[in-house]
Each structure stands twice: as structure tokens, then as C-alpha cells.
């Protein structure tokens, strides 16, 4: 079975940092894409960042550009999202999703992470940023 386990959320003050982890099992980690999404109360789910192994590309939404860094550790089957200079508006439940063979570079061409049909989803981890 495919499983995605997101973790690393918590309460942090504005300006602080958090590193989220998405541990994956049950699919070929050497040919994958993993995306991070978030959903704040009353708002629609938003794609935040993506990394794909097929073309070694990464993607960041405007809301995370310059503050986030996505990386993968294939030995641990884990993708990380380091988020710095956090703001109260970053408060949301963060989810990771995975897709076989997706290339994140396509999101630089205008398509939306939220509109793509991802193969697998994990549960969320709550990030709360206090002002």
C-alpha cells in the first residue's frame, strides 16, 4: 500500500522556521513527484511547492518563493519542506501528495498544482504561526 506521512507542524512565532517532512512508502521513490499543499480555515487548498525526481525540478508558489526550500532524501524516502520567515498567513494544515512520473517543471508553465490529479495523498500536519 502507498502511504504518505506528513509531520513537523507545530506552533511557531512569526519570523520563525519549521521543517515539514513527508515520509513515503509503497511506490518507486526514484521516479516520483511530491507536492506540498496547504489549506487554511475557510480557504481553498493551495499548492505550495513541488519536487520531482524525473527531471530534478522544483517549484514554489509565489507565497513560498524566497522563504521555502524543498528537498528529498531518497535513502529515507522522505521529502522535506523547510519554511523560513513564517507569517501568520502561513497558518494552515499542510498536506503532501505524490505522483508517479509528474514533472514539477510543468507548473512553471502555468498549470496549477491544485488542478492536477495527484495519485496519492497523505494526512495533514497543522502549522500555526502566531503574530
C-alpha atoms as a PDB file:
ATOM      1  CA  UNK A   1       0.000   0.000   0.000  1.00  0.00           C
ATOM      2  CA  UNK A   2       1.120   3.535  -0.723  1.00  0.00           C
ATOM      3  CA  UNK A   3       1.449   5.687   2.368  1.00  0.00           C
ATOM      4  CA  UNK A   4       2.441   9.295   2.849  1.00  0.00           C
ATOM      5  CA  UNK A   5       3.081  10.519   6.370  1.00  0.00           C
ATOM      6  CA  UNK A   6       3.374  14.267   6.886  1.00  0.00           C
ATOM      7  CA  UNK A   7       4.877  15.597  10.087  1.00  0.00           C
ATOM      8  CA  UNK A   8       6.748  18.538  11.512  1.00  0.00           C
ATOM      9  CA  UNK A   9       3.941  21.000  12.042  1.00  0.00           C
ATOM     10  CA  UNK A  10       3.585  22.976  15.216  1.00  0.00           C
ATOM     11  CA  UNK A  11       3.242  26.394  16.775  1.00  0.00           C
ATOM     12  CA  UNK A  12       5.858  28.961  15.880  1.00  0.00           C
ATOM     13  CA  UNK A  13       6.160  32.713  16.216  1.00  0.00           C
ATOM     14  CA  UNK A  14       6.148  34.941  13.184  1.00  0.00           C
ATOM     15  CA  UNK A  15       9.601  35.100  11.688  1.00  0.00           C
ATOM     16  CA  UNK A  16      10.435  31.589  12.827  1.00  0.00           C
ATOM     17  CA  UNK A  17      11.090  28.422  10.855  1.00  0.00           C
ATOM     18  CA  UNK A  18       9.703  24.923  10.548  1.00  0.00           C
ATOM     19  CA  UNK A  19      10.729  21.889   8.560  1.00  0.00           C
ATOM     20  CA  UNK A  20       7.952  19.634   7.379  1.00  0.00           C
ATOM     21  CA  UNK A  21       8.616  16.024   6.436  1.00  0.00           C
ATOM     22  CA  UNK A  22       6.718  13.731   4.105  1.00  0.00           C
ATOM     23  CA  UNK A  23       7.739  10.095   4.542  1.00  0.00           C
ATOM     24  CA  UNK A  24       6.648   7.851   1.686  1.00  0.00           C
ATOM     25  CA  UNK A  25       6.378   4.130   1.230  1.00  0.00           C
ATOM     26  CA  UNK A  26       4.926   1.725  -1.298  1.00  0.00           C
ATOM     27  CA  UNK A  27       5.896   3.413  -4.557  1.00  0.00           C
ATOM     28  CA  UNK A  28       9.094   3.814  -6.600  1.00  0.00           C
ATOM     29  CA  UNK A  29      10.766   6.760  -4.942  1.00  0.00           C
ATOM     30  CA  UNK A  30      13.250   7.174  -7.757  1.00  0.00           C
ATOM     31  CA  UNK A  31      10.543   8.205 -10.221  1.00  0.00           C
ATOM     32  CA  UNK A  32       8.122  10.420  -8.400  1.00  0.00           C
ATOM     33  CA  UNK A  33       6.952  13.917  -7.628  1.00  0.00           C
ATOM     34  CA  UNK A  34       5.927  15.109  -4.210  1.00  0.00           C
ATOM     35  CA  UNK A  35       3.922  18.234  -3.662  1.00  0.00           C
ATOM     36  CA  UNK A  36       3.144  20.208  -0.563  1.00  0.00           C
ATOM     37  CA  UNK A  37      -0.246  21.830  -0.213  1.00  0.00           C
ATOM     38  CA  UNK A  38      -1.929  23.816   2.499  1.00  0.00           C
ATOM     39  CA  UNK A  39      -5.455  24.656   3.448  1.00  0.00           C
ATOM     40  CA  UNK A  40      -6.394  27.397   5.863  1.00  0.00           C
ATOM     41  CA  UNK A  41      -9.829  27.525   7.506  1.00  0.00           C
ATOM     42  CA  UNK A  42     -12.411  28.792   5.075  1.00  0.00           C
ATOM     43  CA  UNK A  43      -9.989  28.808   2.165  1.00  0.00           C
ATOM     44  CA  UNK A  44      -9.343  26.514  -0.751  1.00  0.00           C
ATOM     45  CA  UNK A  45      -6.384  24.181  -0.856  1.00  0.00           C
ATOM     46  CA  UNK A  46      -3.272  25.836  -2.250  1.00  0.00           C
ATOM     47  CA  UNK A  47      -0.260  24.214  -3.830  1.00  0.00           C
ATOM     48  CA  UNK A  48       2.901  25.426  -2.128  1.00  0.00           C
ATOM     49  CA  UNK A  49       5.871  23.536  -3.521  1.00  0.00           C
ATOM     50  CA  UNK A  50       6.803  20.511  -5.603  1.00  0.00           C
ATOM     51  CA  UNK A  51       9.859  18.390  -6.300  1.00  0.00           C
ATOM     52  CA  UNK A  52      10.245  15.751  -8.975  1.00  0.00           C
ATOM     53  CA  UNK A  53      12.974  13.169  -9.381  1.00  0.00           C
ATOM     54  CA  UNK A  54      12.458  12.600 -13.119  1.00  0.00           C
ATOM     55  CA  UNK A  55      13.869  15.977 -14.088  1.00  0.00           C
ATOM     56  CA  UNK A  56      15.251  17.158 -10.734  1.00  0.00           C
ATOM     57  CA  UNK A  57      12.943  20.165 -10.886  1.00  0.00           C
ATOM     58  CA  UNK A  58      11.394  22.130  -8.073  1.00  0.00           C
ATOM     59  CA  UNK A  59       8.543  24.566  -7.998  1.00  0.00           C
ATOM     60  CA  UNK A  60       7.442  27.173  -5.473  1.00  0.00           C
ATOM     61  CA  UNK A  61       4.211  29.081  -5.364  1.00  0.00           C
ATOM     62  CA  UNK A  62       4.590  32.833  -5.084  1.00  0.00           C
ATOM     63  CA  UNK A  63       3.520  32.593  -1.449  1.00  0.00           C
ATOM     64  CA  UNK A  64       6.576  30.442  -0.646  1.00  0.00           C
ATOM     65  CA  UNK A  65       9.192  31.761  -3.056  1.00  0.00           C
ATOM     66  CA  UNK A  66      12.259  33.023  -1.282  1.00  0.00           C
ATOM     67  CA  UNK A  67      11.164  31.555   2.037  1.00  0.00           C
ATOM     68  CA  UNK A  68      10.851  27.846   1.342  1.00  0.00           C
ATOM     69  CA  UNK A  69      13.209  25.114   0.288  1.00  0.00           C
ATOM     70  CA  UNK A  70      12.065  21.673  -0.819  1.00  0.00           C
ATOM     71  CA  UNK A  71      14.428  18.719  -0.862  1.00  0.00           C
ATOM     72  CA  UNK A  72      14.376  14.950  -0.903  1.00  0.00           C
ATOM     73  CA  UNK A  73      16.374  12.202   0.771  1.00  0.00           C
ATOM     74  CA  UNK A  74      15.896   9.149  -1.404  1.00  0.00           C
ATOM     75  CA  UNK A  75      17.642   6.901   1.108  1.00  0.00           C
ATOM     76  CA  UNK A  76      14.944   7.787   3.623  1.00  0.00           C
ATOM     77  CA  UNK A  77      12.093   8.071   1.096  1.00  0.00           C
ATOM     78  CA  UNK A  78      11.364  11.465   2.593  1.00  0.00           C
ATOM     79  CA  UNK A  79      10.724  14.905   1.176  1.00  0.00           C
ATOM     80  CA  UNK A  80      11.283  17.980   3.299  1.00  0.00           C
ATOM     81  CA  UNK A  81       9.872  21.481   3.122  1.00  0.00           C
ATOM     82  CA  UNK A  82      11.927  23.997   5.046  1.00  0.00           C
ATOM     83  CA  UNK A  83       9.889  27.124   5.676  1.00  0.00           C
ATOM     84  CA  UNK A  84      11.570  30.275   6.927  1.00  0.00           C
ATOM     85  CA  UNK A  85      10.382  33.744   7.917  1.00  0.00           C
ATOM     86  CA  UNK A  86       6.964  32.326   8.650  1.00  0.00           C
ATOM     87  CA  UNK A  87       3.987  34.673   8.696  1.00  0.00           C
ATOM     88  CA  UNK A  88       0.604  34.362  10.395  1.00  0.00           C
ATOM     89  CA  UNK A  89      -0.939  33.881   6.954  1.00  0.00           C
ATOM     90  CA  UNK A  90       1.077  30.678   6.612  1.00  0.00           C
ATOM     91  CA  UNK A  91      -1.167  29.143   9.263  1.00  0.00           C
ATOM     92  CA  UNK A  92      -2.870  26.113   7.708  1.00  0.00           C
ATOM     93  CA  UNK A  93      -2.994  22.360   7.597  1.00  0.00           C
ATOM     94  CA  UNK A  94      -0.191  21.221   5.323  1.00  0.00           C
ATOM     95  CA  UNK A  95      -0.573  18.095   3.208  1.00  0.00           C
ATOM     96  CA  UNK A  96       1.796  16.175   0.989  1.00  0.00           C
ATOM     97  CA  UNK A  97       0.803  14.371  -2.175  1.00  0.00           C
ATOM     98  CA  UNK A  98       2.716  12.158  -4.567  1.00  0.00           C
ATOM     99  CA  UNK A  99       2.507  11.332  -8.222  1.00  0.00           C
ATOM    100  CA  UNK A 100       4.399   8.853 -10.336  1.00  0.00           C
ATOM    101  CA  UNK A 101       6.300  10.452 -13.223  1.00  0.00           C
ATOM    102  CA  UNK A 102       4.980  14.012 -12.800  1.00  0.00           C
ATOM    103  CA  UNK A 103       7.497  16.707 -13.597  1.00  0.00           C
ATOM    104  CA  UNK A 104       7.152  19.776 -11.402  1.00  0.00           C
ATOM    105  CA  UNK A 105       8.590  21.962 -14.141  1.00  0.00           C
ATOM    106  CA  UNK A 106       5.156  21.942 -15.776  1.00  0.00           C
ATOM    107  CA  UNK A 107       3.877  24.191 -13.015  1.00  0.00           C
ATOM    108  CA  UNK A 108       6.329  26.861 -14.105  1.00  0.00           C
ATOM    109  CA  UNK A 109       4.481  26.886 -17.430  1.00  0.00           C
ATOM    110  CA  UNK A 110       1.215  27.942 -15.873  1.00  0.00           C
ATOM    111  CA  UNK A 111      -0.625  24.810 -14.841  1.00  0.00           C
ATOM    112  CA  UNK A 112      -1.782  24.685 -11.231  1.00  0.00           C
ATOM    113  CA  UNK A 113      -0.752  22.180  -8.606  1.00  0.00           C
ATOM    114  CA  UNK A 114      -4.270  22.300  -7.179  1.00  0.00           C
ATOM    115  CA  UNK A 115      -5.805  21.313 -10.526  1.00  0.00           C
ATOM    116  CA  UNK A 116      -3.515  18.362 -11.148  1.00  0.00           C
ATOM    117  CA  UNK A 117      -4.839  14.920 -10.255  1.00  0.00           C
ATOM    118  CA  UNK A 118      -2.258  13.611  -7.842  1.00  0.00           C
ATOM    119  CA  UNK A 119      -2.032   9.860  -7.365  1.00  0.00           C
ATOM    120  CA  UNK A 120      -1.705   9.741  -3.598  1.00  0.00           C
ATOM    121  CA  UNK A 121      -2.406  11.968  -0.622  1.00  0.00           C
ATOM    122  CA  UNK A 122      -1.212  11.942   2.935  1.00  0.00           C
ATOM    123  CA  UNK A 123      -2.857  13.264   6.054  1.00  0.00           C
ATOM    124  CA  UNK A 124      -2.157  16.809   7.152  1.00  0.00           C
ATOM    125  CA  UNK A 125       0.056  18.421   9.725  1.00  0.00           C
ATOM    126  CA  UNK A 126      -1.022  21.677  11.348  1.00  0.00           C
ATOM    127  CA  UNK A 127       1.194  24.746  11.181  1.00  0.00           C
ATOM    128  CA  UNK A 128       0.204  27.666  13.384  1.00  0.00           C
ATOM    129  CA  UNK A 129       2.121  30.921  13.178  1.00  0.00           C
ATOM    130  CA  UNK A 130       1.437  33.408  15.953  1.00  0.00           C
ATOM    131  CA  UNK A 131       1.882  37.127  15.482  1.00  0.00           C
END
